[in-house]
Amino acid sequence: MDKEIYKNQNATYFKTSTLPLATVLSLNVPLVNIIWEDGGIAAFIFEDSPQLKDYVQKYLNRELQVEPQTYYNQLKLMKSRLHERI
């Protein structure tokens, strides 16, 4: 899983190119931006927070539960955001 935490002068950000993780996070954490990296890979940027770290840890441990229809609808939204930027 490609994830990274980086900082600028005003905030700390979390970056992932994993669409399922980004989809789950975007249900509860605002998506700051989508950037395109070398090779045409999309990276989803979220402002880092203790809540975000908790969601990521629960996702990685398979402890995070999301209602399936809610996840599916959010996944469609995330995919449309990707296609807007192509």
Protein backbone atom coordinates (compact mmCIF):
# COMPACT_ATOMS: atom_id res chain seq x y z
CA MET A 1 0.00 0.00 0.00
CA ASP A 2 1.44 3.32 -1.04
CA LYS A 3 0.98 5.77 1.78
CA GLU A 4 2.96 8.72 2.93
CA ILE A 5 2.73 11.58 5.33
CA TYR A 6 4.27 14.87 4.31
CA LYS A 7 4.21 18.41 5.60
CA ASN A 8 4.11 21.90 4.25
CA GLN A 9 4.25 25.13 6.23
CA ASN A 10 0.59 25.04 7.29
CA ALA A 11 -0.50 21.41 7.60
CA THR A 12 0.42 17.74 7.48
CA TYR A 13 -1.04 15.58 4.74
CA PHE A 14 -1.60 11.89 4.14
CA LYS A 15 -1.23 10.54 0.61
CA THR A 16 -2.40 7.20 -0.76
CA SER A 17 -2.81 5.80 -4.25
CA THR A 18 -5.01 2.97 -2.97
CA LEU A 19 -8.54 3.64 -4.24
CA PRO A 20 -10.39 1.46 -1.68
CA LEU A 21 -8.61 3.16 1.23
CA ALA A 22 -9.16 6.61 -0.26
CA THR A 23 -12.84 5.79 -0.73
CA VAL A 24 -13.29 4.74 2.90
CA LEU A 25 -11.38 7.77 4.18
CA SER A 26 -13.40 10.16 2.03
CA LEU A 27 -16.58 9.07 3.79
CA ASN A 28 -15.38 10.80 6.97
CA VAL A 29 -12.30 12.86 6.16
CA PRO A 30 -12.33 15.65 3.55
CA LEU A 31 -10.38 14.89 0.39
CA VAL A 32 -7.97 17.80 -0.11
CA ASN A 33 -6.77 17.02 -3.61
CA ILE A 34 -6.00 14.39 -6.21
CA ILE A 35 -2.58 14.63 -7.82
CA TRP A 36 -1.17 12.69 -10.72
CA GLU A 37 2.22 11.10 -10.22
CA ASP A 38 4.70 9.66 -12.70
CA GLY A 39 3.22 6.81 -14.66
CA GLY A 40 -0.29 8.30 -14.51
CA ILE A 41 -0.99 7.07 -10.99
CA ALA A 42 -3.50 9.09 -9.00
CA ALA A 43 -2.65 9.97 -5.41
CA PHE A 44 -5.38 11.05 -3.02
CA ILE A 45 -4.41 13.73 -0.51
CA PHE A 46 -6.09 14.07 2.90
CA GLU A 47 -5.27 16.39 5.77
CA ASP A 48 -3.63 14.27 8.45
CA SER A 49 -5.32 13.95 11.85
CA PRO A 50 -5.62 11.46 14.70
CA GLN A 51 -9.03 10.48 13.29
CA LEU A 52 -7.52 9.73 9.88
CA LYS A 53 -4.77 7.63 11.46
CA ASP A 54 -7.43 5.69 13.35
CA TYR A 55 -9.38 5.01 10.14
CA VAL A 56 -6.22 3.88 8.33
CA GLN A 57 -5.24 1.55 11.16
CA LYS A 58 -8.73 0.05 11.30
CA TYR A 59 -8.71 -0.36 7.51
CA LEU A 60 -5.35 -2.14 7.59
CA ASN A 61 -6.48 -4.39 10.46
CA ARG A 62 -9.78 -5.16 8.67
CA GLU A 63 -11.72 -3.70 11.59
CA LEU A 64 -13.42 -0.86 9.74
CA GLN A 65 -17.04 -1.48 8.84
CA VAL A 66 -18.90 0.44 6.16
CA GLU A 67 -22.42 -0.11 4.90
CA PRO A 68 -21.97 -1.69 1.42
CA GLN A 69 -24.29 0.64 -0.51
CA THR A 70 -22.66 3.70 1.07
CA TYR A 71 -19.22 2.40 0.08
CA TYR A 72 -20.36 1.61 -3.47
CA ASN A 73 -21.87 5.07 -3.96
CA GLN A 74 -18.73 6.74 -2.62
CA LEU A 75 -16.54 4.57 -4.87
CA LYS A 76 -18.54 5.73 -7.90
CA LEU A 77 -18.05 9.33 -6.78
CA MET A 78 -14.29 8.84 -6.35
CA LYS A 79 -14.01 7.27 -9.79
CA SER A 80 -15.89 10.18 -11.34
CA ARG A 81 -13.47 12.57 -9.62
CA LEU A 82 -10.61 10.66 -11.26
CA HIS A 83 -12.20 10.82 -14.71
CA GLU A 84 -12.78 14.58 -14.37
CA ARG A 85 -9.02 15.08 -14.18
CA ILE A 86 -7.96 12.85 -17.03
